[in-house]
Amino acid sequence: MDRFVDAAPGVRLWVEERGPADASPLLLIMGAQASGLGWPDELVDLLAARHRVIRYDHRDTGRSTWSFDERPYPVTALAADAIAVLDGLGVERAHIVGMSLGGMLAQLLIADRPGRLLSATVFGTHALSTVPYTHPDGTRTPPEELPGTDPRLLELWARPVADLGPEAELERRVEHWRLLSGDQLPFDAAYQRELERRIVRHSGHHVPNGAHGRADPSGMDRTEQLARAAVPTLVVSAPAEPVFPPPHAHHVAQAIRGARLVEISGMAHALPRQVHAPLAAAILDHTGTVR
């Protein structure tokens, strides 16, 4: 079942629910420039076996309002949107799962809106904390000195994005996902292309969008709040992660009080079929411990 909810004046968000209406809610928060359909149906259905799963299009993606050029907003507004989705559905508290930028938004919610959360799971992200990472041998590394993004991705992101038509845009997206998928699992280009075709059909157009990359990222440091967090949090470590390589996930787990860490073999910054079952199992194991 899908519908729209009002998140802010002039901003409507597309929302979809799957699973039993009386099950505990689980909100999926996607990454930058990504529609809610970026959460593959197969993964959503695995989670919906035990949860009322909610996925949604961020503003400036999919069927939600595209308005950044007329009304710019900060990244923190996207965290407020997640709460607006819960409000629009009448959900008082929910489990949340955040990927990439969604993992940052999840940390903002852990810090700022803990009373609305049952639990949190984050992956493919970095810590919203200035506390140094402590290595197993006890040495410490400041966050800004942790490993950076794969240069191949940086080169791709630096290229101007021109609208050369729907097929060219699909190929650009597939190449992007090829790099995001890392080097440890086989890349299924046909699977990723069909997923992007669905997103284009869902959105009603193929127009690329960089609004989230242009949004003001200031005001996101939550060092103190995360250090005293009370939300049960799971951090998923992806050994092939090319955007926030190891040990970023370990740093996130250190920054959030009480967080625990689990590694998904071969996982990178994408959601191919091979990770659906182990990722869903890790999330359900985590949410199942919360009463």
Protein backbone atom coordinates (compact mmCIF):
# COMPACT_ATOMS: atom_id res chain seq x y z
CA MET A 1 0.00 0.00 0.00
CA ASP A 2 1.37 3.41 -0.92
CA ARG A 3 0.35 6.96 -0.17
CA PHE A 4 1.74 10.47 0.27
CA VAL A 5 2.48 12.29 3.52
CA ASP A 6 3.12 16.00 4.04
CA ALA A 7 6.61 16.56 5.45
CA ALA A 8 6.88 20.36 5.28
CA PRO A 9 5.09 23.23 3.55
CA GLY A 10 5.03 22.34 -0.14
CA VAL A 11 6.80 18.99 0.39
CA ARG A 12 5.01 15.66 -0.03
CA LEU A 13 6.74 12.31 0.35
CA TRP A 14 5.80 9.05 -1.34
CA VAL A 15 5.52 6.24 1.22
CA GLU A 16 4.92 2.50 0.87
CA GLU A 17 4.12 -0.09 3.55
CA ARG A 18 4.52 -3.87 3.43
CA GLY A 19 3.94 -6.56 6.01
CA PRO A 20 1.37 -7.03 8.78
CA ALA A 21 -0.26 -3.79 9.84
CA ASP A 22 -0.10 -4.86 13.50
CA ALA A 23 3.61 -5.80 13.43
CA SER A 24 6.27 -3.50 14.89
CA PRO A 25 7.12 -0.73 12.38
CA LEU A 26 10.50 -0.69 10.63
CA LEU A 27 11.44 2.43 8.66
CA LEU A 28 14.00 2.11 5.84
CA ILE A 29 16.02 5.29 5.16
CA MET A 30 17.86 5.29 1.83
CA GLY A 31 21.01 7.11 0.77
CA ALA A 32 21.58 10.33 -1.15
CA GLN A 33 19.78 10.80 -4.47
CA ALA A 34 18.17 7.37 -3.97
CA SER A 35 14.49 6.50 -4.23
CA GLY A 36 12.91 4.26 -1.63
CA LEU A 37 12.82 1.61 -4.34
CA GLY A 38 16.58 1.41 -3.87
CA TRP A 39 15.63 -1.00 -1.08
CA PRO A 40 15.12 -4.13 -3.24
CA ASP A 41 11.74 -5.83 -3.02
CA GLU A 42 13.37 -9.12 -2.06
CA LEU A 43 15.05 -7.56 0.97
CA VAL A 44 11.90 -5.65 1.94
CA ASP A 45 9.85 -8.85 1.80
CA LEU A 46 12.32 -10.69 4.04
CA LEU A 47 11.98 -7.92 6.63
CA ALA A 48 8.20 -7.75 6.16
CA ALA A 49 7.90 -11.33 7.39
CA ARG A 50 8.19 -9.86 10.90
CA HIS A 51 7.68 -6.12 10.54
CA ARG A 52 5.41 -3.45 9.13
CA VAL A 53 8.10 -2.22 6.73
CA ILE A 54 7.98 1.40 5.57
CA ARG A 55 10.07 2.75 2.73
CA TYR A 56 9.80 6.19 1.23
CA ASP A 57 11.24 8.55 -1.38
CA HIS A 58 13.37 11.34 0.06
CA ARG A 59 12.39 14.76 -1.19
CA ASP A 60 14.02 15.34 -4.60
CA THR A 61 13.84 11.64 -5.45
CA GLY A 62 11.22 9.34 -6.96
CA ARG A 63 7.63 10.50 -6.62
CA SER A 64 8.27 12.89 -3.75
CA THR A 65 8.43 16.65 -4.23
CA TRP A 66 11.41 17.93 -6.21
CA SER A 67 11.98 21.48 -5.01
CA PHE A 68 15.61 22.02 -3.98
CA ASP A 69 16.36 24.54 -6.73
CA GLU A 70 13.46 26.73 -5.60
CA ARG A 71 13.66 26.01 -1.86
CA PRO A 72 17.10 24.75 -0.75
CA TYR A 73 17.24 22.85 2.54
CA PRO A 74 19.98 21.47 4.82
CA VAL A 75 20.76 17.76 5.13
CA THR A 76 19.24 17.83 8.61
CA ALA A 77 15.83 18.52 7.03
CA LEU A 78 15.95 14.99 5.61
CA ALA A 79 16.11 13.61 9.15
CA ALA A 80 13.04 15.65 10.04
CA ASP A 81 11.36 14.12 6.97
CA ALA A 82 11.86 10.63 8.40
CA ILE A 83 9.97 11.67 11.54
CA ALA A 84 7.30 13.26 9.34
CA VAL A 85 6.80 9.89 7.64
CA LEU A 86 6.21 8.24 11.02
CA ASP A 87 3.85 11.05 12.02
CA GLY A 88 1.94 10.76 8.75
CA LEU A 89 1.39 7.04 9.34
CA GLY A 90 0.49 7.45 13.01
CA VAL A 91 3.60 5.56 14.16
CA GLU A 92 4.76 6.52 17.64
CA ARG A 93 8.00 4.49 17.69
CA ALA A 94 9.81 2.47 15.04
CA HIS A 95 12.91 0.48 14.30
CA ILE A 96 15.00 2.33 11.70
CA VAL A 97 17.54 1.10 9.16
CA GLY A 98 19.76 3.66 7.42
CA MET A 99 22.16 3.15 4.51
CA SER A 100 24.83 5.66 3.43
CA LEU A 101 23.33 9.15 3.90
CA GLY A 102 20.46 7.26 5.52
CA GLY A 103 22.96 6.02 8.09
CA MET A 104 23.86 9.62 8.89
CA LEU A 105 20.19 10.54 9.18
CA ALA A 106 19.71 7.56 11.49
CA GLN A 107 22.50 8.88 13.72
CA LEU A 108 20.78 12.27 13.85
CA LEU A 109 17.60 10.52 14.98
CA ILE A 110 19.48 8.41 17.55
CA ALA A 111 20.90 11.64 18.95
CA ASP A 112 17.94 13.98 18.62
CA ARG A 113 14.79 11.86 18.64
CA PRO A 114 15.57 8.73 20.70
CA GLY A 115 12.04 8.59 22.06
CA ARG A 116 10.73 7.83 18.56
CA LEU A 117 13.05 4.86 18.02
CA LEU A 118 12.82 1.23 19.09
CA SER A 119 16.22 0.39 17.58
CA ALA A 120 18.59 1.51 14.83
CA THR A 121 20.70 -0.29 12.23
CA VAL A 122 23.24 1.66 10.18
CA PHE A 123 25.71 0.80 7.43
CA GLY A 124 27.66 2.32 4.57
CA THR A 125 28.23 5.51 6.54
CA HIS A 126 30.62 7.43 8.77
CA ALA A 127 30.33 8.53 12.37
CA LEU A 128 28.85 11.93 13.18
CA SER A 129 31.51 12.19 15.85
CA THR A 130 34.91 13.79 16.29
CA VAL A 131 36.13 11.10 18.70
CA PRO A 132 39.23 9.35 17.28
CA TYR A 133 38.99 5.72 16.19
CA THR A 134 40.76 3.37 18.59
CA HIS A 135 42.50 0.53 16.77
CA PRO A 136 42.73 -2.99 18.27
CA ASP A 137 46.33 -2.23 19.30
CA GLY A 138 45.22 0.85 21.22
CA THR A 139 46.50 3.47 18.78
CA ARG A 140 44.09 6.24 17.81
CA THR A 141 43.30 7.88 14.47
CA PRO A 142 41.31 11.11 14.05
CA PRO A 143 38.20 10.65 11.87
CA GLU A 144 39.57 12.90 9.12
CA GLU A 145 42.59 10.58 8.75
CA LEU A 146 40.57 7.37 8.28
CA PRO A 147 40.71 5.84 4.77
CA GLY A 148 38.95 7.83 2.07
CA THR A 149 36.63 6.98 -0.81
CA ASP A 150 37.86 4.81 -3.69
CA PRO A 151 39.53 7.17 -6.24
CA ARG A 152 37.54 5.55 -9.05
CA LEU A 153 34.33 6.80 -7.44
CA LEU A 154 35.77 10.25 -6.84
CA GLU A 155 36.68 10.46 -10.51
CA LEU A 156 33.18 9.37 -11.55
CA TRP A 157 31.54 11.87 -9.21
CA ALA A 158 33.72 14.67 -10.60
CA ARG A 159 32.40 14.19 -14.14
CA PRO A 160 29.62 16.57 -15.25
CA VAL A 161 26.30 14.74 -15.53
CA ALA A 162 24.53 15.54 -18.78
CA ASP A 163 21.09 14.35 -19.82
CA LEU A 164 21.86 12.16 -22.83
CA GLY A 165 18.57 10.29 -22.73
CA PRO A 166 17.09 7.44 -20.67
CA GLU A 167 19.31 4.61 -21.92
CA ALA A 168 22.51 6.59 -21.42
CA GLU A 169 21.33 7.55 -17.94
CA LEU A 170 20.62 3.90 -17.11
CA GLU A 171 24.13 2.94 -18.22
CA ARG A 172 25.61 5.72 -16.11
CA ARG A 173 23.74 4.47 -13.06
CA VAL A 174 24.76 0.87 -13.68
CA GLU A 175 28.42 1.88 -13.95
CA HIS A 176 28.06 3.81 -10.70
CA TRP A 177 26.61 0.75 -8.96
CA ARG A 178 29.39 -1.40 -10.41
CA LEU A 179 31.93 0.67 -8.49
CA LEU A 180 29.74 0.90 -5.38
CA SER A 181 29.42 -2.90 -5.35
CA GLY A 182 33.10 -3.39 -4.58
CA ASP A 183 35.43 -6.10 -5.75
CA GLN A 184 34.48 -9.13 -3.64
CA LEU A 185 31.10 -10.23 -5.05
CA PRO A 186 30.21 -10.74 -8.73
CA PHE A 187 28.37 -7.74 -10.14
CA ASP A 188 25.02 -8.49 -11.80
CA ALA A 189 24.62 -5.65 -14.29
CA ALA A 190 21.30 -6.98 -15.61
CA TYR A 191 19.80 -7.08 -12.11
CA GLN A 192 20.96 -3.54 -11.34
CA ARG A 193 19.77 -2.22 -14.70
CA GLU A 194 16.28 -3.64 -14.15
CA LEU A 195 16.14 -2.14 -10.66
CA GLU A 196 17.03 1.27 -12.11
CA ARG A 197 14.43 0.82 -14.85
CA ARG A 198 11.83 0.28 -12.14
CA ILE A 199 12.98 3.43 -10.38
CA VAL A 200 12.71 5.42 -13.62
CA ARG A 201 9.18 4.09 -14.19
CA HIS A 202 8.30 4.83 -10.58
CA SER A 203 9.69 8.38 -10.80
CA GLY A 204 8.09 9.05 -14.18
CA HIS A 205 11.37 10.33 -15.65
CA HIS A 206 15.09 9.57 -15.85
CA VAL A 207 16.36 13.02 -14.82
CA PRO A 208 19.56 12.80 -12.71
CA ASN A 209 19.52 14.84 -9.54
CA GLY A 210 22.28 16.07 -7.24
CA ALA A 211 20.18 17.98 -4.70
CA HIS A 212 21.39 16.05 -1.67
CA GLY A 213 25.01 16.64 -2.63
CA ARG A 214 24.30 20.38 -2.73
CA ALA A 215 22.37 20.49 0.55
CA ASP A 216 24.06 22.26 3.46
CA PRO A 217 25.80 19.56 5.58
CA SER A 218 26.57 21.78 8.55
CA GLY A 219 25.24 21.18 12.04
CA MET A 220 25.52 17.40 11.95
CA ASP A 221 28.15 16.78 14.64
CA ARG A 222 26.54 14.66 17.38
CA THR A 223 29.66 13.54 19.27
CA GLU A 224 28.29 14.03 22.78
CA GLN A 225 24.78 12.81 22.06
CA LEU A 226 25.95 9.59 20.39
CA ALA A 227 28.36 8.91 23.25
CA ARG A 228 25.42 8.78 25.66
CA ALA A 229 22.89 7.24 23.27
CA ALA A 230 20.18 4.99 24.67
CA VAL A 231 18.89 3.52 21.39
CA PRO A 232 19.89 -0.14 20.79
CA THR A 233 22.08 0.16 17.70
CA LEU A 234 23.54 -2.34 15.25
CA VAL A 235 26.35 -1.30 12.91
CA VAL A 236 26.86 -3.49 9.83
CA SER A 237 30.45 -3.68 8.63
CA ALA A 238 30.94 -4.15 4.88
CA PRO A 239 34.48 -5.38 4.15
CA ALA A 240 34.36 -4.31 0.47
CA GLU A 241 32.91 -0.85 1.23
CA PRO A 242 34.40 1.69 -1.24
CA VAL A 243 32.82 4.93 0.04
CA PHE A 244 33.55 4.62 3.77
CA PRO A 245 36.10 1.78 3.85
CA PRO A 246 37.04 -0.15 6.97
CA PRO A 247 37.46 0.78 9.73
CA HIS A 248 34.71 3.43 9.37
CA ALA A 249 32.01 0.99 10.50
CA HIS A 250 34.08 0.12 13.57
CA HIS A 251 34.45 3.83 14.29
CA VAL A 252 30.67 4.29 14.06
CA ALA A 253 30.21 1.42 16.53
CA GLN A 254 32.68 3.04 18.92
CA ALA A 255 31.02 6.45 18.62
CA ILE A 256 27.50 5.23 19.49
CA ARG A 257 27.15 4.12 23.09
CA GLY A 258 26.37 0.41 23.41
CA ALA A 259 26.40 -0.26 19.65
CA ARG A 260 27.32 -3.72 18.46
CA LEU A 261 28.96 -4.68 15.19
CA VAL A 262 28.30 -7.46 12.69
CA GLU A 263 30.12 -8.09 9.39
CA ILE A 264 28.41 -9.22 6.18
CA SER A 265 30.89 -11.13 4.01
CA GLY A 266 31.56 -9.51 0.63
CA MET A 267 29.22 -6.58 1.24
CA ALA A 268 30.10 -3.17 -0.18
CA HIS A 269 28.02 0.00 -0.71
CA ALA A 270 25.18 -1.74 -2.52
CA LEU A 271 22.40 -4.28 -1.96
CA PRO A 272 22.93 -7.14 -4.42
CA ARG A 273 21.01 -10.41 -4.05
CA GLN A 274 23.93 -12.08 -2.27
CA VAL A 275 23.58 -9.85 0.82
CA HIS A 276 19.78 -9.84 1.16
CA ALA A 277 19.50 -12.96 3.34
CA PRO A 278 22.44 -12.28 5.69
CA LEU A 279 21.56 -8.59 6.01
CA ALA A 280 17.90 -9.31 6.74
CA ALA A 281 18.94 -11.97 9.27
CA ALA A 282 21.23 -9.51 11.05
CA ILE A 283 18.55 -6.81 11.15
CA LEU A 284 15.84 -9.19 12.37
CA ASP A 285 18.13 -10.66 14.99
CA HIS A 286 18.77 -7.12 16.24
CA THR A 287 15.15 -5.95 16.21
CA GLY A 288 14.12 -9.23 17.83
CA THR A 289 16.16 -8.39 20.94
CA VAL A 290 14.18 -5.20 21.55
CA ARG A 291 11.03 -5.47 23.59
